[in-house]
């Protein structure tokens, strides 16, 4: 029977993406199954700090192996913003749509639109940080959203070497090249080797 792995998120899109990347190697649960575990405030200044904070805090409650990620979009013309505030770019309770609108407003008239998605995955066990992995996907931001799949900033991000946005690409294609896919490949190799 696969070993349980708790994903420290209540974002069903993220859980689905991670489960697809891990295949059947683990029995995946997320925080939707654990309402007793409180929200972890992301107070870190970097993706690595936030990922570690979530993984360690949740593993103190669960007592088992926990995987957490923090990821976001870094836009060069905005000095790396929205960065760690990607999910809260337009405010603490902002929707994906509001964050996307604010991003496009801030980029109006700018021709330099290089950007990258960055992801750091942290793994903790019984309240202790075990290891971290990171991945990035370079690309550019377009003027208007395209595509129905994905979430967050996916509809305006075109990865290097493609003409489609992340929201236009099939899930398996996106996962193979995405920031989360790259970080998860490293994490999966580590998990499969039983290094914990």
Protein backbone atom coordinates (compact mmCIF):
# COMPACT_ATOMS: atom_id res chain seq x y z
CA UNK A 1 0.00 0.00 0.00
CA UNK A 2 1.41 3.44 -0.92
CA UNK A 3 2.82 5.52 1.91
CA UNK A 4 0.66 8.52 2.89
CA UNK A 5 1.92 11.96 1.90
CA UNK A 6 0.15 15.07 3.11
CA UNK A 7 0.26 18.06 0.78
CA UNK A 8 0.16 21.29 2.80
CA UNK A 9 -2.45 23.09 0.70
CA UNK A 10 -6.19 23.58 0.41
CA UNK A 11 -5.85 24.51 -3.28
CA UNK A 12 -7.44 21.60 -5.17
CA UNK A 13 -5.75 22.65 -8.45
CA UNK A 14 -2.35 22.46 -6.80
CA UNK A 15 -3.15 19.10 -5.15
CA UNK A 16 -4.29 17.71 -8.52
CA UNK A 17 -1.12 18.91 -10.24
CA UNK A 18 1.12 17.42 -7.53
CA UNK A 19 -0.82 14.13 -7.49
CA UNK A 20 -0.45 13.84 -11.28
CA UNK A 21 3.29 14.49 -11.01
CA UNK A 22 3.75 11.90 -8.24
CA UNK A 23 1.67 9.24 -10.01
CA UNK A 24 0.61 6.37 -7.77
CA UNK A 25 3.77 6.35 -5.67
CA UNK A 26 2.01 7.85 -2.62
CA UNK A 27 -1.45 8.06 -1.11
CA UNK A 28 -2.06 11.79 -1.45
CA UNK A 29 -4.14 13.84 0.96
CA UNK A 30 -4.32 17.59 1.36
CA UNK A 31 -5.52 19.92 4.10
CA UNK A 32 -9.14 19.63 2.90
CA UNK A 33 -9.06 16.26 4.72
CA UNK A 34 -7.66 17.93 7.86
CA UNK A 35 -9.85 20.85 8.93
CA UNK A 36 -8.27 20.65 12.40
CA UNK A 37 -4.95 21.95 11.00
CA UNK A 38 -5.01 25.77 10.96
CA UNK A 39 -3.96 27.98 8.06
CA UNK A 40 -0.22 28.72 8.08
CA UNK A 41 0.54 32.40 7.65
CA UNK A 42 3.13 32.86 4.90
CA UNK A 43 5.43 35.36 6.60
CA UNK A 44 8.65 34.34 4.84
CA UNK A 45 10.56 36.73 2.59
CA UNK A 46 11.38 33.98 0.05
CA UNK A 47 9.65 31.00 -1.54
CA UNK A 48 12.03 28.69 0.37
CA UNK A 49 11.14 30.26 3.73
CA UNK A 50 7.39 30.00 3.07
CA UNK A 51 7.58 26.40 1.82
CA UNK A 52 9.60 25.35 4.88
CA UNK A 53 7.27 27.22 7.24
CA UNK A 54 4.21 25.43 5.81
CA UNK A 55 5.81 21.97 5.73
CA UNK A 56 7.22 22.13 9.27
CA UNK A 57 4.09 23.65 10.84
CA UNK A 58 1.70 21.17 9.21
CA UNK A 59 3.96 18.21 10.05
CA UNK A 60 3.84 19.20 13.73
CA UNK A 61 0.09 18.60 13.60
CA UNK A 62 0.07 15.54 11.34
CA UNK A 63 3.16 13.80 12.70
CA UNK A 64 3.99 12.33 9.29
CA UNK A 65 5.61 13.17 5.98
CA UNK A 66 4.43 16.55 4.63
CA UNK A 67 5.19 18.20 1.31
CA UNK A 68 4.64 21.94 0.92
CA UNK A 69 5.45 24.25 -1.92
CA UNK A 70 5.57 27.95 -2.39
CA UNK A 71 5.61 29.27 -5.87
CA UNK A 72 4.90 32.39 -7.79
CA UNK A 73 5.61 34.62 -10.71
CA UNK A 74 8.62 36.92 -10.96
CA UNK A 75 8.32 39.65 -13.61
CA UNK A 76 11.58 41.40 -14.47
CA UNK A 77 9.94 44.71 -15.44
CA UNK A 78 8.32 44.81 -11.98
CA UNK A 79 11.55 44.15 -10.09
CA UNK A 80 10.63 40.51 -9.46
CA UNK A 81 7.06 41.23 -8.32
CA UNK A 82 4.62 39.78 -7.56
CA UNK A 83 7.07 37.14 -6.21
CA UNK A 84 6.13 35.69 -2.82
CA UNK A 85 2.98 37.83 -2.89
CA UNK A 86 1.73 36.23 -6.13
CA UNK A 87 -1.46 34.83 -4.55
CA UNK A 88 -2.09 38.10 -2.68
CA UNK A 89 -0.86 40.59 -5.30
CA UNK A 90 -4.15 42.51 -5.43
CA UNK A 91 -4.86 42.07 -1.69
CA UNK A 92 -5.12 39.39 1.00
CA UNK A 93 -8.42 37.96 -0.30
CA UNK A 94 -7.75 38.62 -4.00
CA UNK A 95 -9.04 36.21 -6.63
CA UNK A 96 -6.92 34.86 -9.49
CA UNK A 97 -8.82 37.22 -11.80
CA UNK A 98 -8.05 40.29 -9.65
CA UNK A 99 -4.36 39.38 -9.42
CA UNK A 100 -4.20 38.89 -13.19
CA UNK A 101 -5.90 42.24 -13.87
CA UNK A 102 -3.48 44.10 -11.58
CA UNK A 103 -0.48 42.42 -13.23
CA UNK A 104 -1.64 43.43 -16.71
CA UNK A 105 -2.35 47.00 -15.52
CA UNK A 106 1.17 47.32 -14.13
CA UNK A 107 2.66 46.01 -17.39
CA UNK A 108 0.67 48.35 -19.66
CA UNK A 109 3.00 50.07 -22.11
CA UNK A 110 6.00 47.93 -21.11
CA UNK A 111 7.66 46.02 -23.94
CA UNK A 112 10.11 44.04 -21.76
CA UNK A 113 7.91 41.25 -20.41
CA UNK A 114 10.33 38.50 -19.45
CA UNK A 115 9.25 36.54 -16.40
CA UNK A 116 9.59 33.21 -14.70
CA UNK A 117 7.56 30.96 -12.51
CA UNK A 118 9.59 29.76 -9.53
CA UNK A 119 8.76 26.94 -7.11
CA UNK A 120 10.38 25.66 -3.94
CA UNK A 121 9.22 22.36 -2.45
CA UNK A 122 9.93 21.61 1.20
CA UNK A 123 9.54 18.20 2.85
CA UNK A 124 9.16 17.90 6.60
CA UNK A 125 8.62 14.98 8.93
CA UNK A 126 7.31 15.21 12.50
CA UNK A 127 7.99 18.93 12.83
CA UNK A 128 11.46 18.97 11.28
CA UNK A 129 12.53 20.25 7.86
CA UNK A 130 14.12 17.39 5.95
CA UNK A 131 15.01 18.88 2.54
CA UNK A 132 14.04 21.38 -0.17
CA UNK A 133 14.03 21.36 -3.97
CA UNK A 134 13.55 24.20 -6.43
CA UNK A 135 12.60 24.69 -10.06
CA UNK A 136 12.01 27.58 -12.45
CA UNK A 137 10.40 28.05 -15.85
CA UNK A 138 11.41 31.07 -17.95
CA UNK A 139 8.96 32.80 -20.26
CA UNK A 140 7.09 36.01 -20.98
CA UNK A 141 3.82 37.75 -20.15
CA UNK A 142 1.31 38.50 -22.91
CA UNK A 143 -1.24 41.35 -23.08
CA UNK A 144 -4.46 39.39 -22.53
CA UNK A 145 -5.43 36.02 -21.02
CA UNK A 146 -5.69 32.99 -23.32
CA UNK A 147 -6.80 29.43 -22.53
CA UNK A 148 -9.20 27.67 -20.17
CA UNK A 149 -6.91 25.34 -18.22
CA UNK A 150 -4.49 26.01 -15.42
CA UNK A 151 -4.96 28.60 -12.69
CA UNK A 152 -3.43 31.79 -11.33
CA UNK A 153 -1.26 33.56 -13.91
CA UNK A 154 -1.24 30.59 -16.34
CA UNK A 155 -3.45 32.36 -18.96
CA UNK A 156 -0.88 35.16 -19.52
CA UNK A 157 2.40 33.20 -19.25
CA UNK A 158 4.05 31.71 -22.35
CA UNK A 159 7.00 29.45 -21.50
CA UNK A 160 10.21 29.71 -23.53
CA UNK A 161 10.09 27.73 -26.76
CA UNK A 162 6.26 27.68 -26.98
CA UNK A 163 3.56 29.87 -28.48
CA UNK A 164 0.78 28.72 -26.13
CA UNK A 165 0.13 29.96 -22.62
CA UNK A 166 0.26 27.54 -19.70
CA UNK A 167 -3.56 27.69 -19.73
CA UNK A 168 -3.65 26.50 -23.37
CA UNK A 169 -1.25 23.58 -22.93
CA UNK A 170 -2.45 20.08 -21.99
CA UNK A 171 -1.76 19.32 -18.32
CA UNK A 172 0.89 16.70 -19.03
CA UNK A 173 2.81 19.10 -21.33
CA UNK A 174 2.66 21.93 -18.79
CA UNK A 175 3.70 19.61 -15.94
CA UNK A 176 6.74 18.40 -17.88
CA UNK A 177 8.14 21.92 -18.30
CA UNK A 178 6.70 23.84 -15.36
CA UNK A 179 8.54 25.19 -12.32
CA UNK A 180 6.53 22.84 -10.11
CA UNK A 181 7.19 19.92 -12.46
CA UNK A 182 10.95 20.49 -12.30
CA UNK A 183 11.01 20.83 -8.50
CA UNK A 184 8.66 17.85 -8.13
CA UNK A 185 10.86 15.64 -10.34
CA UNK A 186 13.73 16.23 -7.91
CA UNK A 187 11.47 15.65 -4.89
CA UNK A 188 10.03 12.48 -6.40
CA UNK A 189 13.49 11.04 -7.08
CA UNK A 190 14.37 11.72 -3.44
CA UNK A 191 11.10 10.23 -2.15
CA UNK A 192 11.42 7.11 -4.34
CA UNK A 193 14.94 6.53 -3.05
CA UNK A 194 13.48 6.37 0.44
CA UNK A 195 15.91 8.99 1.70
CA UNK A 196 13.61 9.87 4.59
